[in-house]
Amino acid sequence: MAGAASEQPGRGDRTGNPAGRFAEEITEVVREEMNAVRHQLTQAARPAGAGIVLLAAAGGCLMLGVGAASTTVLRALETFLPRRLAVAGLASGYLTAAVVLGRLGLQQLSAAGDSSGRVADEMREAVSATAGAVVPAGSAAARQALGGARGGGADGRNEA
């Protein structure tokens, strides 16, 4: 049965049309190469997928560790500072670290040039706009909290 199928013209005829044979051979080579590439990609993706999952888990553990360390530092600060002042000090430390690291990151992006420099400029503008809205509100809240702690007026302002 297989012999009858191979004897039909146009189906695997290796002795006939040279262009047809060439096309069949190229098709077979391309098919084999595609299968090899697919196999290589599959083999490469398996360890990468496991690596990505492990990195995500490590990131989650890192966040939990940072949270636990932050709680520990806050409790240590509370042993010799009032709670509000300890929280404000810790928050100020985190914000200062964020500003310093952010500026260093933006400097690196700007130094990279081209599209990275444009991204850095856009981020700088967005941060400035956000800070312009957040800093006054934070300052007012801090004044109110400190004013309330010092026995300020009903509106939270100290009367001098």
C-alpha atoms as a PDB file:
ATOM      1  CA  MET A   1       0.000   0.000   0.000  1.00  0.00           C
ATOM      2  CA  ALA A   2       2.808   2.365   0.835  1.00  0.00           C
ATOM      3  CA  GLY A   3       4.528   1.384  -2.408  1.00  0.00           C
ATOM      4  CA  ALA A   4       1.413   2.250  -4.424  1.00  0.00           C
ATOM      5  CA  ALA A   5       1.163   5.667  -2.803  1.00  0.00           C
ATOM      6  CA  SER A   6       4.796   6.472  -3.532  1.00  0.00           C
ATOM      7  CA  GLU A   7       4.386   5.503  -7.185  1.00  0.00           C
ATOM      8  CA  GLN A   8       1.687   8.108  -7.774  1.00  0.00           C
ATOM      9  CA  PRO A   9       2.917  11.233  -9.561  1.00  0.00           C
ATOM     10  CA  GLY A  10       3.215  14.354  -7.396  1.00  0.00           C
ATOM     11  CA  ARG A  11       3.374  12.439  -4.073  1.00  0.00           C
ATOM     12  CA  GLY A  12       6.959  11.759  -3.103  1.00  0.00           C
ATOM     13  CA  ASP A  13       8.090  11.268  -6.701  1.00  0.00           C
ATOM     14  CA  ARG A  14      11.860  11.423  -6.262  1.00  0.00           C
ATOM     15  CA  THR A  15      12.687  10.534  -9.853  1.00  0.00           C
ATOM     16  CA  GLY A  16      10.437  13.078 -11.609  1.00  0.00           C
ATOM     17  CA  ASN A  17      10.292  16.848 -11.263  1.00  0.00           C
ATOM     18  CA  PRO A  18      13.620  18.248  -9.868  1.00  0.00           C
ATOM     19  CA  ALA A  19      11.912  21.445  -8.633  1.00  0.00           C
ATOM     20  CA  GLY A  20       9.355  19.372  -6.742  1.00  0.00           C
ATOM     21  CA  ARG A  21      12.074  17.247  -5.165  1.00  0.00           C
ATOM     22  CA  PHE A  22      14.004  20.368  -4.178  1.00  0.00           C
ATOM     23  CA  ALA A  23      10.884  21.925  -2.622  1.00  0.00           C
ATOM     24  CA  GLU A  24      10.171  18.702  -0.698  1.00  0.00           C
ATOM     25  CA  GLU A  25      13.721  18.522   0.586  1.00  0.00           C
ATOM     26  CA  ILE A  26      13.696  22.196   1.658  1.00  0.00           C
ATOM     27  CA  THR A  27      10.323  21.679   3.351  1.00  0.00           C
ATOM     28  CA  GLU A  28      11.679  18.674   5.226  1.00  0.00           C
ATOM     29  CA  VAL A  29      14.831  20.545   6.321  1.00  0.00           C
ATOM     30  CA  VAL A  30      12.778  23.543   7.490  1.00  0.00           C
ATOM     31  CA  ARG A  31      10.377  21.227   9.342  1.00  0.00           C
ATOM     32  CA  GLU A  32      13.270  19.475  11.102  1.00  0.00           C
ATOM     33  CA  GLU A  33      14.892  22.799  12.026  1.00  0.00           C
ATOM     34  CA  MET A  34      11.605  24.175  13.343  1.00  0.00           C
ATOM     35  CA  ASN A  35      11.139  21.068  15.474  1.00  0.00           C
ATOM     36  CA  ALA A  36      14.704  21.400  16.786  1.00  0.00           C
ATOM     37  CA  VAL A  37      14.193  25.096  17.633  1.00  0.00           C
ATOM     38  CA  ARG A  38      10.864  24.343  19.329  1.00  0.00           C
ATOM     39  CA  HIS A  39      12.525  21.588  21.353  1.00  0.00           C
ATOM     40  CA  GLN A  40      15.394  23.923  22.360  1.00  0.00           C
ATOM     41  CA  LEU A  41      12.986  26.689  23.368  1.00  0.00           C
ATOM     42  CA  THR A  42      10.901  24.261  25.398  1.00  0.00           C
ATOM     43  CA  GLN A  43      13.988  22.930  27.144  1.00  0.00           C
ATOM     44  CA  ALA A  44      15.236  26.481  27.832  1.00  0.00           C
ATOM     45  CA  ALA A  45      11.844  27.698  29.098  1.00  0.00           C
ATOM     46  CA  ARG A  46      11.443  24.979  31.716  1.00  0.00           C
ATOM     47  CA  PRO A  47      14.416  26.029  33.866  1.00  0.00           C
ATOM     48  CA  ALA A  48      13.652  29.699  33.209  1.00  0.00           C
ATOM     49  CA  GLY A  49      10.068  29.228  34.358  1.00  0.00           C
ATOM     50  CA  ALA A  50      11.243  27.537  37.529  1.00  0.00           C
ATOM     51  CA  GLY A  51      13.817  30.288  38.007  1.00  0.00           C
ATOM     52  CA  ILE A  52      11.177  33.001  37.632  1.00  0.00           C
ATOM     53  CA  VAL A  53       8.932  31.274  40.166  1.00  0.00           C
ATOM     54  CA  LEU A  54      11.848  30.949  42.584  1.00  0.00           C
ATOM     55  CA  LEU A  55      12.784  34.623  42.123  1.00  0.00           C
ATOM     56  CA  ALA A  56       9.185  35.666  42.755  1.00  0.00           C
ATOM     57  CA  ALA A  57       9.112  33.567  45.918  1.00  0.00           C
ATOM     58  CA  ALA A  58      12.422  35.106  47.002  1.00  0.00           C
ATOM     59  CA  GLY A  59      10.954  38.579  46.402  1.00  0.00           C
ATOM     60  CA  GLY A  60       7.951  37.708  48.549  1.00  0.00           C
ATOM     61  CA  CYS A  61      10.210  36.454  51.336  1.00  0.00           C
ATOM     62  CA  LEU A  62      12.295  39.619  51.021  1.00  0.00           C
ATOM     63  CA  MET A  63       9.192  41.783  51.451  1.00  0.00           C
ATOM     64  CA  LEU A  64       8.134  39.769  54.503  1.00  0.00           C
ATOM     65  CA  GLY A  65      11.627  40.104  55.949  1.00  0.00           C
ATOM     66  CA  VAL A  66      11.675  43.859  55.379  1.00  0.00           C
ATOM     67  CA  GLY A  67       8.272  44.132  57.044  1.00  0.00           C
ATOM     68  CA  ALA A  68       9.446  42.131  60.049  1.00  0.00           C
ATOM     69  CA  ALA A  69      12.646  44.181  60.298  1.00  0.00           C
ATOM     70  CA  SER A  70      10.643  47.389  60.073  1.00  0.00           C
ATOM     71  CA  THR A  71       8.366  46.239  62.883  1.00  0.00           C
ATOM     72  CA  THR A  72      11.389  45.337  64.988  1.00  0.00           C
ATOM     73  CA  VAL A  73      13.001  48.736  64.412  1.00  0.00           C
ATOM     74  CA  LEU A  74       9.718  50.490  65.225  1.00  0.00           C
ATOM     75  CA  ARG A  75       9.364  48.544  68.488  1.00  0.00           C
ATOM     76  CA  ALA A  76      12.959  49.364  69.395  1.00  0.00           C
ATOM     77  CA  LEU A  77      12.364  53.072  68.711  1.00  0.00           C
ATOM     78  CA  GLU A  78       9.204  52.992  70.803  1.00  0.00           C
ATOM     79  CA  THR A  79      11.210  51.931  73.863  1.00  0.00           C
ATOM     80  CA  PHE A  80      12.747  55.401  74.141  1.00  0.00           C
ATOM     81  CA  LEU A  81      10.532  57.601  71.929  1.00  0.00           C
ATOM     82  CA  PRO A  82       6.800  58.301  71.941  1.00  0.00           C
ATOM     83  CA  ARG A  83       4.943  56.120  69.414  1.00  0.00           C
ATOM     84  CA  ARG A  84       4.102  58.965  67.017  1.00  0.00           C
ATOM     85  CA  LEU A  85       7.662  60.222  66.981  1.00  0.00           C
ATOM     86  CA  ALA A  86       9.019  56.703  66.415  1.00  0.00           C
ATOM     87  CA  VAL A  87       6.644  56.175  63.492  1.00  0.00           C
ATOM     88  CA  ALA A  88       7.500  59.590  62.053  1.00  0.00           C
ATOM     89  CA  GLY A  89      11.230  58.919  62.393  1.00  0.00           C
ATOM     90  CA  LEU A  90      10.999  55.522  60.725  1.00  0.00           C
ATOM     91  CA  ALA A  91       8.821  56.887  57.921  1.00  0.00           C
ATOM     92  CA  SER A  92      11.260  59.762  57.427  1.00  0.00           C
ATOM     93  CA  GLY A  93      14.133  57.302  57.172  1.00  0.00           C
ATOM     94  CA  TYR A  94      12.302  55.258  54.558  1.00  0.00           C
ATOM     95  CA  LEU A  95      11.359  58.352  52.577  1.00  0.00           C
ATOM     96  CA  THR A  96      14.922  59.652  52.694  1.00  0.00           C
ATOM     97  CA  ALA A  97      16.242  56.308  51.475  1.00  0.00           C
ATOM     98  CA  ALA A  98      13.642  56.295  48.695  1.00  0.00           C
ATOM     99  CA  VAL A  99      14.643  59.801  47.583  1.00  0.00           C
ATOM    100  CA  VAL A 100      18.360  58.992  47.593  1.00  0.00           C
ATOM    101  CA  LEU A 101      17.906  55.694  45.741  1.00  0.00           C
ATOM    102  CA  GLY A 102      15.469  57.299  43.300  1.00  0.00           C
ATOM    103  CA  ARG A 103      17.899  60.088  42.492  1.00  0.00           C
ATOM    104  CA  LEU A 104      20.729  57.604  41.962  1.00  0.00           C
ATOM    105  CA  GLY A 105      18.497  55.552  39.663  1.00  0.00           C
ATOM    106  CA  LEU A 106      17.477  58.612  37.653  1.00  0.00           C
ATOM    107  CA  GLN A 107      21.135  59.641  37.332  1.00  0.00           C
ATOM    108  CA  GLN A 108      21.946  56.184  35.966  1.00  0.00           C
ATOM    109  CA  LEU A 109      19.072  56.394  33.477  1.00  0.00           C
ATOM    110  CA  SER A 110      20.146  59.857  32.371  1.00  0.00           C
ATOM    111  CA  ALA A 111      23.731  58.673  31.944  1.00  0.00           C
ATOM    112  CA  ALA A 112      22.527  55.798  29.747  1.00  0.00           C
ATOM    113  CA  GLY A 113      21.298  58.370  27.219  1.00  0.00           C
ATOM    114  CA  ASP A 114      18.765  58.210  24.371  1.00  0.00           C
ATOM    115  CA  SER A 115      15.430  56.688  25.357  1.00  0.00           C
ATOM    116  CA  SER A 116      16.610  55.989  28.906  1.00  0.00           C
ATOM    117  CA  GLY A 117      17.362  59.678  29.338  1.00  0.00           C
ATOM    118  CA  ARG A 118      13.868  60.592  28.114  1.00  0.00           C
ATOM    119  CA  VAL A 119      12.347  58.083  30.533  1.00  0.00           C
ATOM    120  CA  ALA A 120      14.401  59.607  33.357  1.00  0.00           C
ATOM    121  CA  ASP A 121      13.179  63.106  32.452  1.00  0.00           C
ATOM    122  CA  GLU A 122       9.547  61.952  32.342  1.00  0.00           C
ATOM    123  CA  MET A 123       9.923  60.175  35.685  1.00  0.00           C
ATOM    124  CA  ARG A 124      11.575  63.243  37.202  1.00  0.00           C
ATOM    125  CA  GLU A 125       8.631  65.408  36.068  1.00  0.00           C
ATOM    126  CA  ALA A 126       6.081  62.907  37.404  1.00  0.00           C
ATOM    127  CA  VAL A 127       7.850  62.670  40.763  1.00  0.00           C
ATOM    128  CA  SER A 128       8.045  66.462  41.021  1.00  0.00           C
ATOM    129  CA  ALA A 129       4.334  66.801  40.299  1.00  0.00           C
ATOM    130  CA  THR A 130       3.457  64.110  42.827  1.00  0.00           C
ATOM    131  CA  ALA A 131       5.782  65.556  45.458  1.00  0.00           C
ATOM    132  CA  GLY A 132       4.257  68.977  44.858  1.00  0.00           C
ATOM    133  CA  ALA A 133       0.885  67.562  45.878  1.00  0.00           C
ATOM    134  CA  VAL A 134       1.967  65.154  48.628  1.00  0.00           C
ATOM    135  CA  VAL A 135       4.576  67.169  50.547  1.00  0.00           C
ATOM    136  CA  PRO A 136       2.237  70.013  51.586  1.00  0.00           C
ATOM    137  CA  ALA A 137      -0.393  67.523  52.736  1.00  0.00           C
ATOM    138  CA  GLY A 138       2.215  65.538  54.665  1.00  0.00           C
ATOM    139  CA  SER A 139       3.638  68.680  56.225  1.00  0.00           C
ATOM    140  CA  ALA A 140       0.175  69.774  57.334  1.00  0.00           C
ATOM    141  CA  ALA A 141      -0.500  66.359  58.845  1.00  0.00           C
ATOM    142  CA  ALA A 142       2.854  66.390  60.644  1.00  0.00           C
ATOM    143  CA  ARG A 143       2.221  69.900  62.003  1.00  0.00           C
ATOM    144  CA  GLN A 144      -1.204  68.812  63.178  1.00  0.00           C
ATOM    145  CA  ALA A 145       0.177  65.665  64.829  1.00  0.00           C
ATOM    146  CA  LEU A 146       3.004  67.562  66.523  1.00  0.00           C
ATOM    147  CA  GLY A 147       0.687  70.406  67.464  1.00  0.00           C
ATOM    148  CA  GLY A 148      -1.752  67.950  69.038  1.00  0.00           C
ATOM    149  CA  ALA A 149       1.082  66.268  70.912  1.00  0.00           C
ATOM    150  CA  ARG A 150       2.328  69.630  72.232  1.00  0.00           C
ATOM    151  CA  GLY A 151      -1.134  70.764  73.262  1.00  0.00           C
ATOM    152  CA  GLY A 152      -1.763  73.128  70.389  1.00  0.00           C
ATOM    153  CA  GLY A 153      -5.033  74.835  69.569  1.00  0.00           C
ATOM    154  CA  ALA A 154      -8.219  73.207  68.352  1.00  0.00           C
ATOM    155  CA  ASP A 155      -7.107  73.450  64.730  1.00  0.00           C
ATOM    156  CA  GLY A 156      -3.806  71.728  65.498  1.00  0.00           C
ATOM    157  CA  ARG A 157      -1.694  74.880  65.284  1.00  0.00           C
ATOM    158  CA  ASN A 158       0.597  76.055  68.034  1.00  0.00           C
ATOM    159  CA  GLU A 159      -0.228  79.505  69.227  1.00  0.00           C
ATOM    160  CA  ALA A 160       2.899  81.537  69.774  1.00  0.00           C
END
